[in-house]
Amino acid sequence: MKLKNVLIVTKDMERSKAFYKRLFGLDVILDQEGNVILTEGLVLQDARIWEKFLGKEIIPRNNAAELYFEEADLEGFIRKLENYPEPVEVVNCLTEHSWGQKAVRFYDPDGNLIEVGTPM
């Protein structure tokens, strides 16, 4: 068995596609009826579909999981993040861990937690 994709929900599909394209360079592979597959295995699903499947309310900013990306030019990425045309809520500013890795954490427009760190 292998992990195929990671799915996150969004209330505004176009906004999310633009966010992940502009900041991470992810391209749309498939766009079909509220489900969008992006490169790197990230799947966006319309929140209404997810709520219907689960029968439960979505809880944004629950901090129970995160999307993790690595970027060698973290300072350049942070400049891109700071210049994003919409405000981005930063959770942890640029931090250097005791093992030498640098990282930043923030939320996407739907409250999904993201960490971007230098390669390990």
PDB file of N, CA and C in Angstrom:
ATOM      1  N   MET A   1       0.843  -1.177   0.000  1.00  0.00           N
ATOM      2  CA  MET A   1       0.000   0.000   0.000  1.00  0.00           C
ATOM      3  C   MET A   1       0.886   1.235   0.000  1.00  0.00           C
ATOM      4  N   LYS A   2       0.402   2.315  -0.657  1.00  0.00           N
ATOM      5  CA  LYS A   2       1.141   3.569  -0.627  1.00  0.00           C
ATOM      6  C   LYS A   2       0.168   4.735  -0.486  1.00  0.00           C
ATOM      7  N   LEU A   3       0.642   5.781   0.138  1.00  0.00           N
ATOM      8  CA  LEU A   3      -0.152   7.000   0.269  1.00  0.00           C
ATOM      9  C   LEU A   3      -0.204   7.670  -1.089  1.00  0.00           C
ATOM     10  N   LYS A   4      -1.395   7.947  -1.578  1.00  0.00           N
ATOM     11  CA  LYS A   4      -1.562   8.489  -2.919  1.00  0.00           C
ATOM     12  C   LYS A   4      -1.690  10.009  -2.923  1.00  0.00           C
ATOM     13  N   ASN A   5      -2.540  10.551  -2.057  1.00  0.00           N
ATOM     14  CA  ASN A   5      -2.782  11.989  -2.032  1.00  0.00           C
ATOM     15  C   ASN A   5      -3.055  12.458  -0.614  1.00  0.00           C
ATOM     16  N   VAL A   6      -3.001  13.778  -0.431  1.00  0.00           N
ATOM     17  CA  VAL A   6      -3.446  14.433   0.789  1.00  0.00           C
ATOM     18  C   VAL A   6      -4.539  15.402   0.369  1.00  0.00           C
ATOM     19  N   LEU A   7      -5.694  15.329   1.031  1.00  0.00           N
ATOM     20  CA  LEU A   7      -6.843  16.155   0.669  1.00  0.00           C
ATOM     21  C   LEU A   7      -7.085  17.193   1.752  1.00  0.00           C
ATOM     22  N   ILE A   8      -7.289  18.439   1.322  1.00  0.00           N
ATOM     23  CA  ILE A   8      -7.701  19.510   2.225  1.00  0.00           C
ATOM     24  C   ILE A   8      -8.939  20.165   1.642  1.00  0.00           C
ATOM     25  N   VAL A   9      -9.725  20.790   2.493  1.00  0.00           N
ATOM     26  CA  VAL A   9     -10.960  21.410   2.024  1.00  0.00           C
ATOM     27  C   VAL A   9     -10.788  22.915   1.858  1.00  0.00           C
ATOM     28  N   THR A  10     -11.608  23.454   0.971  1.00  0.00           N
ATOM     29  CA  THR A  10     -11.575  24.884   0.702  1.00  0.00           C
ATOM     30  C   THR A  10     -12.989  25.418   0.491  1.00  0.00           C
ATOM     31  N   LYS A  11     -13.206  26.622   0.935  1.00  0.00           N
ATOM     32  CA  LYS A  11     -14.493  27.277   0.701  1.00  0.00           C
ATOM     33  C   LYS A  11     -14.479  28.069  -0.600  1.00  0.00           C
ATOM     34  N   ASP A  12     -13.294  28.354  -1.125  1.00  0.00           N
ATOM     35  CA  ASP A  12     -13.162  29.129  -2.360  1.00  0.00           C
ATOM     36  C   ASP A  12     -12.078  28.474  -3.223  1.00  0.00           C
ATOM     37  N   MET A  13     -12.518  27.631  -4.129  1.00  0.00           N
ATOM     38  CA  MET A  13     -11.595  26.831  -4.932  1.00  0.00           C
ATOM     39  C   MET A  13     -10.637  27.698  -5.744  1.00  0.00           C
ATOM     40  N   GLU A  14     -11.139  28.725  -6.398  1.00  0.00           N
ATOM     41  CA  GLU A  14     -10.274  29.567  -7.238  1.00  0.00           C
ATOM     42  C   GLU A  14      -9.213  30.269  -6.405  1.00  0.00           C
ATOM     43  N   ARG A  15      -9.593  30.731  -5.237  1.00  0.00           N
ATOM     44  CA  ARG A  15      -8.647  31.390  -4.333  1.00  0.00           C
ATOM     45  C   ARG A  15      -7.549  30.405  -3.903  1.00  0.00           C
ATOM     46  N   SER A  16      -7.951  29.179  -3.576  1.00  0.00           N
ATOM     47  CA  SER A  16      -6.977  28.175  -3.146  1.00  0.00           C
ATOM     48  C   SER A  16      -6.053  27.752  -4.275  1.00  0.00           C
ATOM     49  N   LYS A  17      -6.600  27.567  -5.475  1.00  0.00           N
ATOM     50  CA  LYS A  17      -5.745  27.200  -6.613  1.00  0.00           C
ATOM     51  C   LYS A  17      -4.706  28.293  -6.852  1.00  0.00           C
ATOM     52  N   ALA A  18      -5.117  29.551  -6.776  1.00  0.00           N
ATOM     53  CA  ALA A  18      -4.182  30.663  -6.978  1.00  0.00           C
ATOM     54  C   ALA A  18      -3.125  30.703  -5.876  1.00  0.00           C
ATOM     55  N   PHE A  19      -3.523  30.467  -4.639  1.00  0.00           N
ATOM     56  CA  PHE A  19      -2.606  30.468  -3.499  1.00  0.00           C
ATOM     57  C   PHE A  19      -1.510  29.416  -3.678  1.00  0.00           C
ATOM     58  N   TYR A  20      -1.918  28.185  -3.979  1.00  0.00           N
ATOM     59  CA  TYR A  20      -0.940  27.104  -4.112  1.00  0.00           C
ATOM     60  C   TYR A  20      -0.109  27.226  -5.391  1.00  0.00           C
ATOM     61  N   LYS A  21      -0.640  27.838  -6.414  1.00  0.00           N
ATOM     62  CA  LYS A  21       0.137  28.073  -7.643  1.00  0.00           C
ATOM     63  C   LYS A  21       1.179  29.164  -7.403  1.00  0.00           C
ATOM     64  N   ARG A  22       0.726  30.278  -6.859  1.00  0.00           N
ATOM     65  CA  ARG A  22       1.614  31.438  -6.722  1.00  0.00           C
ATOM     66  C   ARG A  22       2.728  31.214  -5.690  1.00  0.00           C
ATOM     67  N   LEU A  23       2.398  30.607  -4.566  1.00  0.00           N
ATOM     68  CA  LEU A  23       3.406  30.438  -3.517  1.00  0.00           C
ATOM     69  C   LEU A  23       4.242  29.170  -3.659  1.00  0.00           C
ATOM     70  N   PHE A  24       3.641  28.100  -4.190  1.00  0.00           N
ATOM     71  CA  PHE A  24       4.324  26.811  -4.212  1.00  0.00           C
ATOM     72  C   PHE A  24       4.578  26.274  -5.614  1.00  0.00           C
ATOM     73  N   GLY A  25       4.033  26.938  -6.623  1.00  0.00           N
ATOM     74  CA  GLY A  25       4.240  26.496  -7.996  1.00  0.00           C
ATOM     75  C   GLY A  25       3.465  25.231  -8.355  1.00  0.00           C
ATOM     76  N   LEU A  26       2.422  24.898  -7.587  1.00  0.00           N
ATOM     77  CA  LEU A  26       1.638  23.696  -7.863  1.00  0.00           C
ATOM     78  C   LEU A  26       0.669  23.951  -9.008  1.00  0.00           C
ATOM     79  N   ASP A  27       0.620  23.027  -9.941  1.00  0.00           N
ATOM     80  CA  ASP A  27      -0.255  23.138 -11.108  1.00  0.00           C
ATOM     81  C   ASP A  27      -1.442  22.201 -10.969  1.00  0.00           C
ATOM     82  N   VAL A  28      -2.534  22.554 -11.619  1.00  0.00           N
ATOM     83  CA  VAL A  28      -3.727  21.722 -11.635  1.00  0.00           C
ATOM     84  C   VAL A  28      -3.509  20.563 -12.603  1.00  0.00           C
ATOM     85  N   ILE A  29      -3.727  19.348 -12.114  1.00  0.00           N
ATOM     86  CA  ILE A  29      -3.673  18.154 -12.955  1.00  0.00           C
ATOM     87  C   ILE A  29      -5.081  17.788 -13.414  1.00  0.00           C
ATOM     88  N   LEU A  30      -6.054  17.871 -12.494  1.00  0.00           N
ATOM     89  CA  LEU A  30      -7.436  17.521 -12.782  1.00  0.00           C
ATOM     90  C   LEU A  30      -8.348  18.464 -12.020  1.00  0.00           C
ATOM     91  N   ASP A  31      -9.358  18.995 -12.688  1.00  0.00           N
ATOM     92  CA  ASP A  31     -10.328  19.898 -12.070  1.00  0.00           C
ATOM     93  C   ASP A  31     -11.705  19.372 -12.432  1.00  0.00           C
ATOM     94  N   GLN A  32     -12.378  18.769 -11.442  1.00  0.00           N
ATOM     95  CA  GLN A  32     -13.627  18.097 -11.748  1.00  0.00           C
ATOM     96  C   GLN A  32     -14.627  18.221 -10.597  1.00  0.00           C
ATOM     97  N   GLU A  33     -15.689  18.949 -10.822  1.00  0.00           N
ATOM     98  CA  GLU A  33     -16.848  19.013  -9.923  1.00  0.00           C
ATOM     99  C   GLU A  33     -16.488  19.186  -8.451  1.00  0.00           C
ATOM    100  N   GLY A  34     -15.738  20.222  -8.124  1.00  0.00           N
ATOM    101  CA  GLY A  34     -15.413  20.499  -6.734  1.00  0.00           C
ATOM    102  C   GLY A  34     -14.228  19.731  -6.195  1.00  0.00           C
ATOM    103  N   ASN A  35     -13.550  18.995  -7.044  1.00  0.00           N
ATOM    104  CA  ASN A  35     -12.343  18.257  -6.666  1.00  0.00           C
ATOM    105  C   ASN A  35     -11.223  18.638  -7.618  1.00  0.00           C
ATOM    106  N   VAL A  36     -10.110  19.073  -7.056  1.00  0.00           N
ATOM    107  CA  VAL A  36      -8.971  19.499  -7.862  1.00  0.00           C
ATOM    108  C   VAL A  36      -7.723  18.775  -7.374  1.00  0.00           C
ATOM    109  N   ILE A  37      -7.042  18.114  -8.291  1.00  0.00           N
ATOM    110  CA  ILE A  37      -5.772  17.478  -7.965  1.00  0.00           C
ATOM    111  C   ILE A  37      -4.661  18.385  -8.468  1.00  0.00           C
ATOM    112  N   LEU A  38      -3.749  18.709  -7.560  1.00  0.00           N
ATOM    113  CA  LEU A  38      -2.591  19.537  -7.889  1.00  0.00           C
ATOM    114  C   LEU A  38      -1.356  18.651  -7.960  1.00  0.00           C
ATOM    115  N   THR A  39      -0.316  19.171  -8.595  1.00  0.00           N
ATOM    116  CA  THR A  39       0.956  18.464  -8.603  1.00  0.00           C
ATOM    117  C   THR A  39       1.418  18.268  -7.158  1.00  0.00           C
ATOM    118  N   GLU A  40       2.314  17.341  -6.953  1.00  0.00           N
ATOM    119  CA  GLU A  40       2.853  16.962  -5.637  1.00  0.00           C
ATOM    120  C   GLU A  40       1.835  16.212  -4.786  1.00  0.00           C
ATOM    121  N   GLY A  41       0.671  15.843  -5.357  1.00  0.00           N
ATOM    122  CA  GLY A  41      -0.281  15.008  -4.641  1.00  0.00           C
ATOM    123  C   GLY A  41      -1.251  15.729  -3.734  1.00  0.00           C
ATOM    124  N   LEU A  42      -1.323  17.035  -3.827  1.00  0.00           N
ATOM    125  CA  LEU A  42      -2.275  17.781  -3.002  1.00  0.00           C
ATOM    126  C   LEU A  42      -3.621  17.839  -3.712  1.00  0.00           C
ATOM    127  N   VAL A  43      -4.681  17.505  -2.979  1.00  0.00           N
ATOM    128  CA  VAL A  43      -6.037  17.541  -3.517  1.00  0.00           C
ATOM    129  C   VAL A  43      -6.834  18.589  -2.757  1.00  0.00           C
ATOM    130  N   LEU A  44      -7.532  19.436  -3.494  1.00  0.00           N
ATOM    131  CA  LEU A  44      -8.447  20.420  -2.917  1.00  0.00           C
ATOM    132  C   LEU A  44      -9.863  19.927  -3.145  1.00  0.00           C
ATOM    133  N   GLN A  45     -10.700  20.001  -2.102  1.00  0.00           N
ATOM    134  CA  GLN A  45     -12.093  19.622  -2.273  1.00  0.00           C
ATOM    135  C   GLN A  45     -12.976  20.729  -1.714  1.00  0.00           C
ATOM    136  N   ASP A  46     -14.048  21.012  -2.444  1.00  0.00           N
ATOM    137  CA  ASP A  46     -15.017  22.012  -2.012  1.00  0.00           C
ATOM    138  C   ASP A  46     -15.563  21.626  -0.638  1.00  0.00           C
ATOM    139  N   ALA A  47     -15.595  22.580   0.271  1.00  0.00           N
ATOM    140  CA  ALA A  47     -16.021  22.325   1.649  1.00  0.00           C
ATOM    141  C   ALA A  47     -17.436  21.747   1.723  1.00  0.00           C
ATOM    142  N   ARG A  48     -18.310  22.151   0.826  1.00  0.00           N
ATOM    143  CA  ARG A  48     -19.686  21.630   0.863  1.00  0.00           C
ATOM    144  C   ARG A  48     -19.712  20.126   0.603  1.00  0.00           C
ATOM    145  N   ILE A  49     -18.862  19.655  -0.300  1.00  0.00           N
ATOM    146  CA  ILE A  49     -18.787  18.217  -0.589  1.00  0.00           C
ATOM    147  C   ILE A  49     -18.267  17.477   0.636  1.00  0.00           C
ATOM    148  N   TRP A  50     -17.207  17.993   1.240  1.00  0.00           N
ATOM    149  CA  TRP A  50     -16.598  17.349   2.400  1.00  0.00           C
ATOM    150  C   TRP A  50     -17.580  17.277   3.570  1.00  0.00           C
ATOM    151  N   GLU A  51     -18.284  18.380   3.839  1.00  0.00           N
ATOM    152  CA  GLU A  51     -19.262  18.397   4.931  1.00  0.00           C
ATOM    153  C   GLU A  51     -20.380  17.386   4.679  1.00  0.00           C
ATOM    154  N   LYS A  52     -20.795  17.263   3.416  1.00  0.00           N
ATOM    155  CA  LYS A  52     -21.844  16.297   3.082  1.00  0.00           C
ATOM    156  C   LYS A  52     -21.344  14.866   3.332  1.00  0.00           C
ATOM    157  N   PHE A  53     -20.111  14.553   2.904  1.00  0.00           N
ATOM    158  CA  PHE A  53     -19.541  13.218   3.115  1.00  0.00           C
ATOM    159  C   PHE A  53     -19.413  12.897   4.606  1.00  0.00           C
ATOM    160  N   LEU A  54     -18.881  13.862   5.372  1.00  0.00           N
ATOM    161  CA  LEU A  54     -18.630  13.630   6.791  1.00  0.00           C
ATOM    162  C   LEU A  54     -19.876  13.731   7.653  1.00  0.00           C
ATOM    163  N   GLY A  55     -20.771  14.620   7.243  1.00  0.00           N
ATOM    164  CA  GLY A  55     -21.926  14.897   8.088  1.00  0.00           C
ATOM    165  C   GLY A  55     -21.539  15.681   9.327  1.00  0.00           C
ATOM    166  N   LYS A  56     -20.406  16.387   9.259  1.00  0.00           N
ATOM    167  CA  LYS A  56     -19.909  17.168  10.388  1.00  0.00           C
ATOM    168  C   LYS A  56     -19.396  18.510   9.894  1.00  0.00           C
ATOM    169  N   GLU A  57     -19.334  19.438  10.823  1.00  0.00           N
ATOM    170  CA  GLU A  57     -18.815  20.772  10.534  1.00  0.00           C
ATOM    171  C   GLU A  57     -17.295  20.732  10.385  1.00  0.00           C
ATOM    172  N   ILE A  58     -16.773  21.523   9.475  1.00  0.00           N
ATOM    173  CA  ILE A  58     -15.325  21.656   9.295  1.00  0.00           C
ATOM    174  C   ILE A  58     -14.794  22.602  10.372  1.00  0.00           C
ATOM    175  N   ILE A  59     -13.661  22.242  10.959  1.00  0.00           N
ATOM    176  CA  ILE A  59     -13.058  23.068  12.002  1.00  0.00           C
ATOM    177  C   ILE A  59     -11.725  23.602  11.490  1.00  0.00           C
ATOM    178  N   PRO A  60     -11.717  24.823  10.929  1.00  0.00           N
ATOM    179  CA  PRO A  60     -10.442  25.380  10.444  1.00  0.00           C
ATOM    180  C   PRO A  60      -9.529  25.746  11.611  1.00  0.00           C
ATOM    181  N   ARG A  61      -8.256  25.850  11.311  1.00  0.00           N
ATOM    182  CA  ARG A  61      -7.239  26.229  12.293  1.00  0.00           C
ATOM    183  C   ARG A  61      -7.245  25.296  13.504  1.00  0.00           C
ATOM    184  N   ASN A  62      -7.445  24.000  13.262  1.00  0.00           N
ATOM    185  CA  ASN A  62      -7.478  23.055  14.383  1.00  0.00           C
ATOM    186  C   ASN A  62      -6.077  22.630  14.824  1.00  0.00           C
ATOM    187  N   ASN A  63      -5.070  22.938  14.029  1.00  0.00           N
ATOM    188  CA  ASN A  63      -3.666  22.685  14.382  1.00  0.00           C
ATOM    189  C   ASN A  63      -3.362  21.217  14.666  1.00  0.00           C
ATOM    190  N   ALA A  64      -4.142  20.313  14.102  1.00  0.00           N
ATOM    191  CA  ALA A  64      -3.928  18.883  14.334  1.00  0.00           C
ATOM    192  C   ALA A  64      -3.048  18.244  13.265  1.00  0.00           C
ATOM    193  N   ALA A  65      -2.828  18.950  12.168  1.00  0.00           N
ATOM    194  CA  ALA A  65      -2.007  18.433  11.070  1.00  0.00           C
ATOM    195  C   ALA A  65      -1.468  19.619  10.290  1.00  0.00           C
ATOM    196  N   GLU A  66      -0.446  19.366   9.480  1.00  0.00           N
ATOM    197  CA  GLU A  66       0.080  20.444   8.645  1.00  0.00           C
ATOM    198  C   GLU A  66       0.564  19.875   7.318  1.00  0.00           C
ATOM    199  N   LEU A  67       0.593  20.735   6.324  1.00  0.00           N
ATOM    200  CA  LEU A  67       1.256  20.425   5.061  1.00  0.00           C
ATOM    201  C   LEU A  67       2.702  20.883   5.232  1.00  0.00           C
ATOM    202  N   TYR A  68       3.653  20.040   4.842  1.00  0.00           N
ATOM    203  CA  TYR A  68       5.065  20.372   5.020  1.00  0.00           C
ATOM    204  C   TYR A  68       5.739  20.435   3.666  1.00  0.00           C
ATOM    205  N   PHE A  69       6.403  21.550   3.415  1.00  0.00           N
ATOM    206  CA  PHE A  69       7.161  21.758   2.183  1.00  0.00           C
ATOM    207  C   PHE A  69       8.602  22.088   2.564  1.00  0.00           C
ATOM    208  N   GLU A  70       9.544  21.772   1.676  1.00  0.00           N
ATOM    209  CA  GLU A  70      10.933  22.172   1.866  1.00  0.00           C
ATOM    210  C   GLU A  70      11.341  23.138   0.768  1.00  0.00           C
ATOM    211  N   GLU A  71      12.127  24.131   1.154  1.00  0.00           N
ATOM    212  CA  GLU A  71      12.583  25.171   0.228  1.00  0.00           C
ATOM    213  C   GLU A  71      13.990  25.591   0.632  1.00  0.00           C
ATOM    214  N   ALA A  72      14.950  25.447  -0.281  1.00  0.00           N
ATOM    215  CA  ALA A  72      16.336  25.816   0.009  1.00  0.00           C
ATOM    216  C   ALA A  72      16.479  27.323   0.243  1.00  0.00           C
ATOM    217  N   ASP A  73      15.753  28.132  -0.542  1.00  0.00           N
ATOM    218  CA  ASP A  73      15.808  29.593  -0.401  1.00  0.00           C
ATOM    219  C   ASP A  73      14.636  30.064   0.459  1.00  0.00           C
ATOM    220  N   LEU A  74      14.715  29.764   1.751  1.00  0.00           N
ATOM    221  CA  LEU A  74      13.607  30.080   2.649  1.00  0.00           C
ATOM    222  C   LEU A  74      13.394  31.589   2.785  1.00  0.00           C
ATOM    223  N   GLU A  75      14.464  32.357   2.819  1.00  0.00           N
ATOM    224  CA  GLU A  75      14.317  33.812   2.924  1.00  0.00           C
ATOM    225  C   GLU A  75      13.590  34.365   1.694  1.00  0.00           C
ATOM    226  N   GLY A  76      13.912  33.833   0.509  1.00  0.00           N
ATOM    227  CA  GLY A  76      13.210  34.235  -0.716  1.00  0.00           C
ATOM    228  C   GLY A  76      11.745  33.857  -0.660  1.00  0.00           C
ATOM    229  N   PHE A  77      11.451  32.666  -0.121  1.00  0.00           N
ATOM    230  CA  PHE A  77      10.061  32.250   0.016  1.00  0.00           C
ATOM    231  C   PHE A  77       9.311  33.179   0.969  1.00  0.00           C
ATOM    232  N   ILE A  78       9.950  33.555   2.061  1.00  0.00           N
ATOM    233  CA  ILE A  78       9.301  34.445   3.033  1.00  0.00           C
ATOM    234  C   ILE A  78       8.999  35.793   2.398  1.00  0.00           C
ATOM    235  N   ARG A  79       9.881  36.298   1.557  1.00  0.00           N
ATOM    236  CA  ARG A  79       9.589  37.550   0.839  1.00  0.00           C
ATOM    237  C   ARG A  79       8.362  37.372  -0.060  1.00  0.00           C
ATOM    238  N   LYS A  80       8.287  36.229  -0.735  1.00  0.00           N
ATOM    239  CA  LYS A  80       7.127  35.937  -1.583  1.00  0.00           C
ATOM    240  C   LYS A  80       5.856  35.879  -0.733  1.00  0.00           C
ATOM    241  N   LEU A  81       5.953  35.271   0.438  1.00  0.00           N
ATOM    242  CA  LEU A  81       4.822  35.172   1.358  1.00  0.00           C
ATOM    243  C   LEU A  81       4.396  36.561   1.839  1.00  0.00           C
ATOM    244  N   GLU A  82       5.365  37.388   2.183  1.00  0.00           N
ATOM    245  CA  GLU A  82       5.065  38.746   2.658  1.00  0.00           C
ATOM    246  C   GLU A  82       4.453  39.612   1.562  1.00  0.00           C
ATOM    247  N   ASN A  83       4.791  39.338   0.309  1.00  0.00           N
ATOM    248  CA  ASN A  83       4.272  40.120  -0.815  1.00  0.00           C
ATOM    249  C   ASN A  83       3.019  39.529  -1.436  1.00  0.00           C
ATOM    250  N   TYR A  84       2.485  38.459  -0.851  1.00  0.00           N
ATOM    251  CA  TYR A  84       1.268  37.863  -1.388  1.00  0.00           C
ATOM    252  C   TYR A  84       0.153  38.911  -1.342  1.00  0.00           C
ATOM    253  N   PRO A  85      -0.692  39.000  -2.380  1.00  0.00           N
ATOM    254  CA  PRO A  85      -1.668  40.091  -2.456  1.00  0.00           C
ATOM    255  C   PRO A  85      -2.757  40.079  -1.382  1.00  0.00           C
ATOM    256  N   GLU A  86      -2.924  38.983  -0.675  1.00  0.00           N
ATOM    257  CA  GLU A  86      -3.875  38.917   0.436  1.00  0.00           C
ATOM    258  C   GLU A  86      -3.090  38.682   1.723  1.00  0.00           C
ATOM    259  N   PRO A  87      -3.622  39.136   2.860  1.00  0.00           N
ATOM    260  CA  PRO A  87      -2.913  38.869   4.120  1.00  0.00           C
ATOM    261  C   PRO A  87      -2.815  37.368   4.385  1.00  0.00           C
ATOM    262  N   VAL A  88      -1.649  36.932   4.848  1.00  0.00           N
ATOM    263  CA  VAL A  88      -1.423  35.539   5.218  1.00  0.00           C
ATOM    264  C   VAL A  88      -1.137  35.526   6.718  1.00  0.00           C
ATOM    265  N   GLU A  89      -1.889  34.700   7.456  1.00  0.00           N
ATOM    266  CA  GLU A  89      -1.716  34.631   8.899  1.00  0.00           C
ATOM    267  C   GLU A  89      -0.528  33.738   9.235  1.00  0.00           C
ATOM    268  N   VAL A  90       0.512  34.340   9.784  1.00  0.00           N
ATOM    269  CA  VAL A  90       1.724  33.616  10.169  1.00  0.00           C
ATOM    270  C   VAL A  90       1.540  33.095  11.589  1.00  0.00           C
ATOM    271  N   VAL A  91       1.873  31.833  11.796  1.00  0.00           N
ATOM    272  CA  VAL A  91       1.764  31.195  13.107  1.00  0.00           C
ATOM    273  C   VAL A  91       3.100  31.288  13.835  1.00  0.00           C
ATOM    274  N   ASN A  92       4.187  30.911  13.161  1.00  0.00           N
ATOM    275  CA  ASN A  92       5.536  31.025  13.703  1.00  0.00           C
ATOM    276  C   ASN A  92       6.392  31.731  12.673  1.00  0.00           C
ATOM    277  N   CYS A  93       6.968  32.862  13.056  1.00  0.00           N
ATOM    278  CA  CYS A  93       7.898  33.557  12.170  1.00  0.00           C
ATOM    279  C   CYS A  93       9.114  32.665  11.945  1.00  0.00           C
ATOM    280  N   LEU A  94       9.996  33.114  11.100  1.00  0.00           N
ATOM    281  CA  LEU A  94      11.199  32.340  10.792  1.00  0.00           C
ATOM    282  C   LEU A  94      11.896  31.921  12.092  1.00  0.00           C
ATOM    283  N   THR A  95      12.059  30.612  12.219  1.00  0.00           N
ATOM    284  CA  THR A  95      12.643  30.007  13.417  1.00  0.00           C
ATOM    285  C   THR A  95      13.787  29.104  12.992  1.00  0.00           C
ATOM    286  N   GLU A  96      14.838  29.061  13.803  1.00  0.00           N
ATOM    287  CA  GLU A  96      15.897  28.079  13.560  1.00  0.00           C
ATOM    288  C   GLU A  96      15.865  27.073  14.693  1.00  0.00           C
ATOM    289  N   HIS A  97      15.640  25.816  14.340  1.00  0.00           N
ATOM    290  CA  HIS A  97      15.569  24.746  15.330  1.00  0.00           C
ATOM    291  C   HIS A  97      16.963  24.364  15.821  1.00  0.00           C
ATOM    292  N   SER A  98      17.016  23.663  16.938  1.00  0.00           N
ATOM    293  CA  SER A  98      18.294  23.260  17.531  1.00  0.00           C
ATOM    294  C   SER A  98      19.101  22.362  16.600  1.00  0.00           C
ATOM    295  N   TRP A  99      18.443  21.669  15.671  1.00  0.00           N
ATOM    296  CA  TRP A  99      19.146  20.785  14.722  1.00  0.00           C
ATOM    297  C   TRP A  99      19.593  21.522  13.461  1.00  0.00           C
ATOM    298  N   GLY A 100      19.370  22.863  13.425  1.00  0.00           N
ATOM    299  CA  GLY A 100      19.888  23.675  12.330  1.00  0.00           C
ATOM    300  C   GLY A 100      18.897  23.989  11.225  1.00  0.00           C
ATOM    301  N   GLN A 101      17.760  23.338  11.202  1.00  0.00           N
ATOM    302  CA  GLN A 101      16.762  23.613  10.158  1.00  0.00           C
ATOM    303  C   GLN A 101      16.023  24.904  10.478  1.00  0.00           C
ATOM    304  N   LYS A 102      15.771  25.698   9.440  1.00  0.00           N
ATOM    305  CA  LYS A 102      14.971  26.910   9.562  1.00  0.00           C
ATOM    306  C   LYS A 102      13.575  26.610   9.026  1.00  0.00           C
ATOM    307  N   ALA A 103      12.553  27.245   9.622  1.00  0.00           N
ATOM    308  CA  ALA A 103      11.180  26.990   9.197  1.00  0.00           C
ATOM    309  C   ALA A 103      10.280  28.166   9.533  1.00  0.00           C
ATOM    310  N   VAL A 104       9.165  28.233   8.820  1.00  0.00           N
ATOM    311  CA  VAL A 104       8.107  29.205   9.073  1.00  0.00           C
ATOM    312  C   VAL A 104       6.780  28.450   8.969  1.00  0.00           C
ATOM    313  N   ARG A 105       5.793  28.841   9.778  1.00  0.00           N
ATOM    314  CA  ARG A 105       4.462  28.224   9.725  1.00  0.00           C
ATOM    315  C   ARG A 105       3.418  29.312   9.533  1.00  0.00           C
ATOM    316  N   PHE A 106       2.393  28.972   8.754  1.00  0.00           N
ATOM    317  CA  PHE A 106       1.312  29.917   8.463  1.00  0.00           C
ATOM    318  C   PHE A 106       0.090  29.132   8.019  1.00  0.00           C
ATOM    319  N   TYR A 107      -1.042  29.828   7.910  1.00  0.00           N
ATOM    320  CA  TYR A 107      -2.281  29.211   7.450  1.00  0.00           C
ATOM    321  C   TYR A 107      -2.549  29.562   5.999  1.00  0.00           C
ATOM    322  N   ASP A 108      -3.128  28.616   5.266  1.00  0.00           N
ATOM    323  CA  ASP A 108      -3.632  28.940   3.932  1.00  0.00           C
ATOM    324  C   ASP A 108      -4.955  29.690   4.109  1.00  0.00           C
ATOM    325  N   PRO A 109      -5.591  30.144   3.033  1.00  0.00           N
ATOM    326  CA  PRO A 109      -6.823  30.936   3.173  1.00  0.00           C
ATOM    327  C   PRO A 109      -7.970  30.213   3.896  1.00  0.00           C
ATOM    328  N   ASP A 110      -7.913  28.882   3.995  1.00  0.00           N
ATOM    329  CA  ASP A 110      -8.973  28.126   4.665  1.00  0.00           C
ATOM    330  C   ASP A 110      -8.575  27.633   6.054  1.00  0.00           C
ATOM    331  N   GLY A 111      -7.445  28.074   6.552  1.00  0.00           N
ATOM    332  CA  GLY A 111      -7.035  27.693   7.895  1.00  0.00           C
ATOM    333  C   GLY A 111      -6.299  26.375   7.985  1.00  0.00           C
ATOM    334  N   ASN A 112      -5.793  25.875   6.858  1.00  0.00           N
ATOM    335  CA  ASN A 112      -4.953  24.682   6.875  1.00  0.00           C
ATOM    336  C   ASN A 112      -3.528  25.107   7.214  1.00  0.00           C
ATOM    337  N   LEU A 113      -2.931  24.462   8.196  1.00  0.00           N
ATOM    338  CA  LEU A 113      -1.595  24.822   8.656  1.00  0.00           C
ATOM    339  C   LEU A 113      -0.541  24.323   7.677  1.00  0.00           C
ATOM    340  N   ILE A 114       0.425  25.189   7.390  1.00  0.00           N
ATOM    341  CA  ILE A 114       1.515  24.873   6.464  1.00  0.00           C
ATOM    342  C   ILE A 114       2.837  25.214   7.125  1.00  0.00           C
ATOM    343  N   GLU A 115       3.807  24.332   6.944  1.00  0.00           N
ATOM    344  CA  GLU A 115       5.177  24.619   7.360  1.00  0.00           C
ATOM    345  C   GLU A 115       6.064  24.550   6.135  1.00  0.00           C
ATOM    346  N   VAL A 116       6.950  25.534   6.018  1.00  0.00           N
ATOM    347  CA  VAL A 116       7.961  25.506   4.971  1.00  0.00           C
ATOM    348  C   VAL A 116       9.304  25.590   5.678  1.00  0.00           C
ATOM    349  N   GLY A 117      10.150  24.588   5.425  1.00  0.00           N
ATOM    350  CA  GLY A 117      11.444  24.530   6.076  1.00  0.00           C
ATOM    351  C   GLY A 117      12.558  24.301   5.079  1.00  0.00           C
ATOM    352  N   THR A 118      13.760  24.568   5.538  1.00  0.00           N
ATOM    353  CA  THR A 118      14.923  24.274   4.695  1.00  0.00           C
ATOM    354  C   THR A 118      15.092  22.752   4.639  1.00  0.00           C
ATOM    355  N   PRO A 119      15.685  22.249   3.559  1.00  0.00           N
ATOM    356  CA  PRO A 119      15.843  20.792   3.420  1.00  0.00           C
ATOM    357  C   PRO A 119      16.613  20.204   4.587  1.00  0.00           C
ATOM    358  N   MET A 120      16.228  18.992   4.957  1.00  0.00           N
ATOM    359  CA  MET A 120      16.890  18.277   6.074  1.00  0.00           C
ATOM    360  C   MET A 120      18.073  17.500   5.519  1.00  0.00           C
TER     361      MET A 120
END
